[in-house]
Amino acid sequence: MERRGQMSVFFIVAIVIVAIVIAFVLIRNGTISNVFRQNAESRAGFSGEVEDINGRISNCLTNVSAEALDVAGAQGGYYHKPEHYLEINGTFYTYYAFQGLSKSPNLAIIEDELANYVDDNSNRCAVNNSEVYVKYDKSHTKVMINNNFTYFSVDFPITIEKGNQTSRIDKFDLRIASKIKDMINVSGWMSDEYNKNSTFFCVSCLEELAREKDLYVEMIRYNNDTTVIMLQTNITSSPRLFIFLNKYGKK
């Protein structure tokens, strides 16, 4: 019995010695360190690719969001055609005052229009990368118009895979310099005042209100009963131009 126990001990010691020798040889030859180094480099490389894709998509969505503001500004806050509009050469312009009725949209409507534009165009931000597999889901955007800035929260689930490595990006939070809130407030005030009394409308009051908001106003008579109003700003922001129409008279 004692001899059998001694043999078991010798056997275990032999295994340990062999393992130590193998490990020493691998370390000396750099095999183990190379494996760890390769894994670390692979992870670092994948992280860099994910960061690059994230940055490119974020920049693209920022451009699309600014574009949404520019489009909405040119169409009185709308992306899709509203109830009352005038179409000229394929572009529509929104009536804010329409034969005694106030048709100016509220902030929530314009926020939805901006969100719809981003969601309809987010697929343009898909990034092609031959080194990784990228899967995109449909985006869902929420917009908040604030003083001097408009915020876009874009839920845009993206899965990035390479070998056995996986990363996921869920949301992009963007902020665009914008005076659209001031433009909406000034345009809404003007249309309401015109509906009250278009004959004796206080133009100087409008100009003063616009100036307080770093805006200036241009009014162009389109025909006998319709005026085009343009609010513009020299401040670097989106949109630079906000256009709407007032149609006078009663139904």
Protein backbone atom coordinates (compact mmCIF):
# COMPACT_ATOMS: atom_id res chain seq x y z
CA MET A 1 0.00 0.00 0.00
CA GLU A 2 2.79 2.43 0.94
CA ARG A 3 4.64 1.63 -2.31
CA ARG A 4 1.49 2.30 -4.36
CA GLY A 5 1.05 5.70 -2.65
CA GLN A 6 4.64 6.66 -3.37
CA MET A 7 4.14 5.80 -7.03
CA SER A 8 1.04 8.06 -7.20
CA VAL A 9 2.99 10.95 -5.72
CA PHE A 10 5.85 10.42 -8.16
CA PHE A 11 3.35 10.29 -11.03
CA ILE A 12 1.72 13.64 -10.05
CA VAL A 13 5.12 15.27 -9.57
CA ALA A 14 6.16 14.04 -13.01
CA ILE A 15 3.04 15.56 -14.62
CA VAL A 16 3.68 18.89 -12.90
CA ILE A 17 7.31 18.89 -14.05
CA VAL A 18 6.32 18.10 -17.63
CA ALA A 19 3.72 20.90 -17.57
CA ILE A 20 6.30 23.37 -16.24
CA VAL A 21 8.79 22.38 -18.91
CA ILE A 22 6.19 22.74 -21.69
CA ALA A 23 5.09 26.12 -20.37
CA PHE A 24 8.72 27.26 -20.15
CA VAL A 25 9.36 26.21 -23.74
CA LEU A 26 6.20 27.96 -24.99
CA ILE A 27 7.01 31.14 -23.12
CA ARG A 28 10.62 31.05 -24.32
CA ASN A 29 9.48 30.60 -27.90
CA GLY A 30 6.91 33.38 -27.48
CA THR A 31 3.95 31.12 -28.32
CA ILE A 32 1.80 32.03 -25.33
CA SER A 33 2.68 35.70 -25.44
CA ASN A 34 1.93 35.74 -29.16
CA VAL A 35 -1.50 34.22 -28.53
CA PHE A 36 -2.31 36.83 -25.87
CA ARG A 37 -0.90 39.58 -28.06
CA GLN A 38 -2.93 38.46 -31.07
CA ASN A 39 -6.11 38.30 -29.02
CA ALA A 40 -5.47 41.76 -27.58
CA GLU A 41 -4.69 43.15 -31.02
CA SER A 42 -7.83 41.54 -32.42
CA ARG A 43 -9.98 43.08 -29.69
CA ALA A 44 -8.31 46.47 -30.15
CA GLY A 45 -8.77 46.26 -33.91
CA PHE A 46 -12.46 45.39 -33.56
CA SER A 47 -13.00 48.20 -31.06
CA GLY A 48 -11.40 50.61 -33.49
CA GLU A 49 -13.67 49.43 -36.30
CA VAL A 50 -16.75 49.80 -34.08
CA GLU A 51 -15.65 53.30 -33.06
CA ASP A 52 -15.10 54.24 -36.70
CA ILE A 53 -18.55 52.96 -37.74
CA ASN A 54 -20.19 54.72 -34.80
CA GLY A 55 -18.51 58.01 -35.71
CA ARG A 56 -19.41 57.81 -39.38
CA ILE A 57 -23.06 57.01 -38.68
CA SER A 58 -23.29 59.74 -36.04
CA ASN A 59 -21.89 62.33 -38.47
CA CYS A 60 -24.29 61.19 -41.18
CA LEU A 61 -27.32 61.34 -38.87
CA THR A 62 -26.24 64.83 -37.77
CA ASN A 63 -26.25 65.91 -41.42
CA VAL A 64 -29.65 64.28 -42.01
CA SER A 65 -31.07 66.04 -38.93
CA ALA A 66 -29.79 69.43 -40.11
CA GLU A 67 -31.25 68.63 -43.53
CA ALA A 68 -34.62 67.86 -41.89
CA LEU A 69 -34.59 71.34 -40.32
CA ASP A 70 -33.73 72.97 -43.67
CA VAL A 71 -36.51 71.12 -45.50
CA ALA A 72 -39.05 71.88 -42.78
CA GLY A 73 -37.97 75.53 -42.74
CA ALA A 74 -38.55 75.89 -46.47
CA GLN A 75 -42.02 74.33 -46.13
CA GLY A 76 -43.34 76.12 -43.05
CA GLY A 77 -42.31 73.41 -40.59
CA TYR A 78 -43.64 70.48 -42.61
CA TYR A 79 -42.06 67.48 -44.25
CA HIS A 80 -45.32 66.06 -45.62
CA LYS A 81 -47.97 68.24 -47.24
CA PRO A 82 -50.41 69.82 -44.76
CA GLU A 83 -54.12 70.50 -45.31
CA HIS A 84 -53.65 73.94 -46.86
CA TYR A 85 -50.68 74.59 -49.13
CA LEU A 86 -49.69 76.10 -52.45
CA GLU A 87 -47.52 74.06 -54.82
CA ILE A 88 -45.14 75.90 -57.14
CA ASN A 89 -42.80 74.03 -59.49
CA GLY A 90 -42.95 70.83 -57.44
CA THR A 91 -42.34 72.54 -54.07
CA PHE A 92 -45.15 73.16 -51.60
CA TYR A 93 -45.52 76.18 -49.34
CA THR A 94 -47.71 76.13 -46.25
CA TYR A 95 -50.53 78.54 -45.47
CA TYR A 96 -50.44 79.83 -41.89
CA ALA A 97 -53.36 82.22 -42.32
CA PHE A 98 -55.98 80.90 -44.71
CA GLN A 99 -59.04 83.06 -45.37
CA GLY A 100 -59.54 84.02 -41.74
CA LEU A 101 -58.44 80.67 -40.30
CA SER A 102 -55.22 80.16 -38.34
CA LYS A 103 -53.38 77.14 -39.74
CA SER A 104 -49.94 77.54 -38.16
CA PRO A 105 -48.72 74.20 -36.72
CA ASN A 106 -47.81 73.81 -33.06
CA LEU A 107 -44.41 72.70 -31.84
CA ALA A 108 -45.41 69.03 -31.42
CA ILE A 109 -46.52 68.75 -35.06
CA ILE A 110 -43.23 70.16 -36.35
CA GLU A 111 -41.25 67.87 -34.03
CA ASP A 112 -43.09 64.88 -35.52
CA GLU A 113 -42.43 66.10 -39.06
CA LEU A 114 -38.70 66.40 -38.31
CA ALA A 115 -38.64 62.91 -36.76
CA ASN A 116 -40.41 61.44 -39.80
CA TYR A 117 -37.84 62.97 -42.12
CA VAL A 118 -34.93 61.47 -40.18
CA ASP A 119 -36.57 58.02 -40.02
CA ASP A 120 -37.28 58.08 -43.76
CA ASN A 121 -33.65 58.96 -44.53
CA SER A 122 -31.65 57.16 -41.82
CA ASN A 123 -30.97 54.25 -44.22
CA ARG A 124 -28.66 56.63 -46.10
CA CYS A 125 -26.33 56.40 -43.10
CA ALA A 126 -25.70 52.66 -43.46
CA VAL A 127 -21.93 52.04 -43.51
CA ASN A 128 -20.36 49.37 -45.72
CA ASN A 129 -17.33 47.65 -44.21
CA SER A 130 -15.78 44.56 -45.81
CA GLU A 131 -13.98 43.66 -42.56
CA VAL A 132 -17.12 43.32 -40.39
CA TYR A 133 -20.77 42.34 -40.68
CA VAL A 134 -23.16 45.20 -39.88
CA LYS A 135 -26.90 44.73 -39.37
CA TYR A 136 -29.27 47.70 -39.19
CA ASP A 137 -32.79 47.87 -37.75
CA LYS A 138 -35.34 50.57 -38.54
CA SER A 139 -34.81 53.86 -36.73
CA HIS A 140 -37.30 55.57 -34.42
CA THR A 141 -36.59 59.24 -33.78
CA LYS A 142 -37.85 61.67 -31.16
CA VAL A 143 -37.28 65.40 -31.53
CA MET A 144 -37.36 68.20 -28.97
CA ILE A 145 -37.26 71.80 -30.20
CA ASN A 146 -35.68 74.05 -27.62
CA ASN A 147 -34.31 77.58 -27.47
CA ASN A 148 -31.28 77.84 -29.79
CA PHE A 149 -30.99 74.04 -30.20
CA THR A 150 -33.05 71.17 -31.57
CA TYR A 151 -32.38 67.73 -30.07
CA PHE A 152 -32.70 64.49 -32.05
CA SER A 153 -32.77 61.19 -30.15
CA VAL A 154 -32.41 58.49 -32.80
CA ASP A 155 -33.05 54.89 -31.72
CA PHE A 156 -31.14 53.10 -34.47
CA PRO A 157 -30.15 49.57 -33.34
CA ILE A 158 -26.97 48.41 -35.09
CA THR A 159 -25.21 45.07 -34.57
CA ILE A 160 -21.55 44.74 -35.58
CA GLU A 161 -19.93 41.30 -35.81
CA LYS A 162 -16.46 40.04 -36.62
CA GLY A 163 -15.58 36.40 -35.95
CA ASN A 164 -16.70 35.67 -32.38
CA GLN A 165 -16.77 39.35 -31.43
CA THR A 166 -20.03 41.32 -31.31
CA SER A 167 -20.87 44.91 -30.48
CA ARG A 168 -24.18 46.78 -30.47
CA ILE A 169 -25.04 50.45 -30.84
CA ASP A 170 -28.59 51.44 -29.86
CA LYS A 171 -28.99 55.22 -29.84
CA PHE A 172 -27.56 58.42 -31.22
CA ASP A 173 -28.23 61.64 -29.29
CA LEU A 174 -27.68 64.69 -31.50
CA ARG A 175 -27.89 68.44 -30.97
CA ILE A 176 -28.29 70.92 -33.84
CA ALA A 177 -27.93 74.68 -33.44
CA SER A 178 -31.30 76.05 -34.55
CA LYS A 179 -33.53 79.09 -34.27
CA ILE A 180 -36.59 77.27 -35.55
CA LYS A 181 -38.44 77.82 -32.27
CA ASP A 182 -38.10 81.59 -32.64
CA MET A 183 -39.16 81.31 -36.28
CA ILE A 184 -42.26 79.33 -35.31
CA ASN A 185 -43.21 81.81 -32.59
CA VAL A 186 -42.77 84.86 -34.84
CA SER A 187 -44.62 83.29 -37.78
CA GLY A 188 -47.49 82.14 -35.55
CA TRP A 189 -47.82 85.61 -33.99
CA MET A 190 -47.83 87.26 -37.41
CA SER A 191 -50.51 84.97 -38.83
CA ASP A 192 -52.76 85.42 -35.80
CA GLU A 193 -52.43 89.22 -36.05
CA TYR A 194 -53.15 89.15 -39.78
CA ASN A 195 -56.29 87.13 -39.22
CA LYS A 196 -57.45 89.72 -36.70
CA ASN A 197 -56.93 92.68 -39.03
CA SER A 198 -54.93 92.35 -42.23
CA THR A 199 -55.68 95.92 -43.30
CA PHE A 200 -54.01 97.57 -40.31
CA PHE A 201 -51.33 95.03 -39.54
CA CYS A 202 -48.40 96.52 -37.61
CA VAL A 203 -45.41 95.80 -39.84
CA SER A 204 -43.00 97.67 -37.55
CA CYS A 205 -44.18 95.49 -34.63
CA LEU A 206 -43.32 92.38 -36.66
CA GLU A 207 -39.90 93.74 -37.57
CA GLU A 208 -39.15 94.62 -33.97
CA LEU A 209 -40.22 91.19 -32.71
CA ALA A 210 -38.09 89.49 -35.38
CA ARG A 211 -35.09 91.68 -34.57
CA GLU A 212 -35.32 90.69 -30.92
CA LYS A 213 -34.93 87.07 -32.07
CA ASP A 214 -31.99 87.83 -34.42
CA LEU A 215 -34.28 87.38 -37.42
CA TYR A 216 -35.23 89.62 -40.29
CA VAL A 217 -38.37 89.54 -42.38
CA GLU A 218 -39.08 89.77 -46.09
CA MET A 219 -42.62 89.89 -47.46
CA ILE A 220 -43.46 89.30 -51.14
CA ARG A 221 -46.93 89.65 -52.65
CA TYR A 222 -47.52 86.47 -54.67
CA ASN A 223 -50.94 87.47 -56.00
CA ASN A 224 -53.90 89.63 -54.98
CA ASP A 225 -54.72 87.66 -51.82
CA THR A 226 -51.54 85.72 -50.95
CA THR A 227 -48.30 86.96 -49.41
CA VAL A 228 -45.06 84.98 -49.05
CA ILE A 229 -43.29 85.64 -45.76
CA MET A 230 -39.65 84.69 -45.24
CA LEU A 231 -37.88 84.74 -41.88
CA GLN A 232 -34.11 84.60 -42.15
CA THR A 233 -31.13 84.59 -39.81
CA ASN A 234 -27.45 85.29 -40.29
CA ILE A 235 -26.55 83.05 -37.37
CA THR A 236 -24.98 79.73 -38.38
CA SER A 237 -27.82 77.33 -37.68
CA SER A 238 -30.49 75.21 -39.36
CA PRO A 239 -32.70 76.36 -40.92
CA ARG A 240 -31.38 79.67 -42.15
CA LEU A 241 -34.72 80.35 -43.89
CA PHE A 242 -38.32 79.80 -42.80
CA ILE A 243 -41.08 80.33 -45.41
CA PHE A 244 -44.87 80.39 -45.05
CA LEU A 245 -47.89 81.97 -46.74
CA ASN A 246 -50.80 84.12 -45.62
CA LYS A 247 -54.00 84.09 -47.68
CA TYR A 248 -56.37 86.93 -46.89
CA GLY A 249 -60.11 87.31 -47.10
CA LYS A 250 -62.94 85.20 -45.74
CA LYS A 251 -64.35 81.94 -46.98
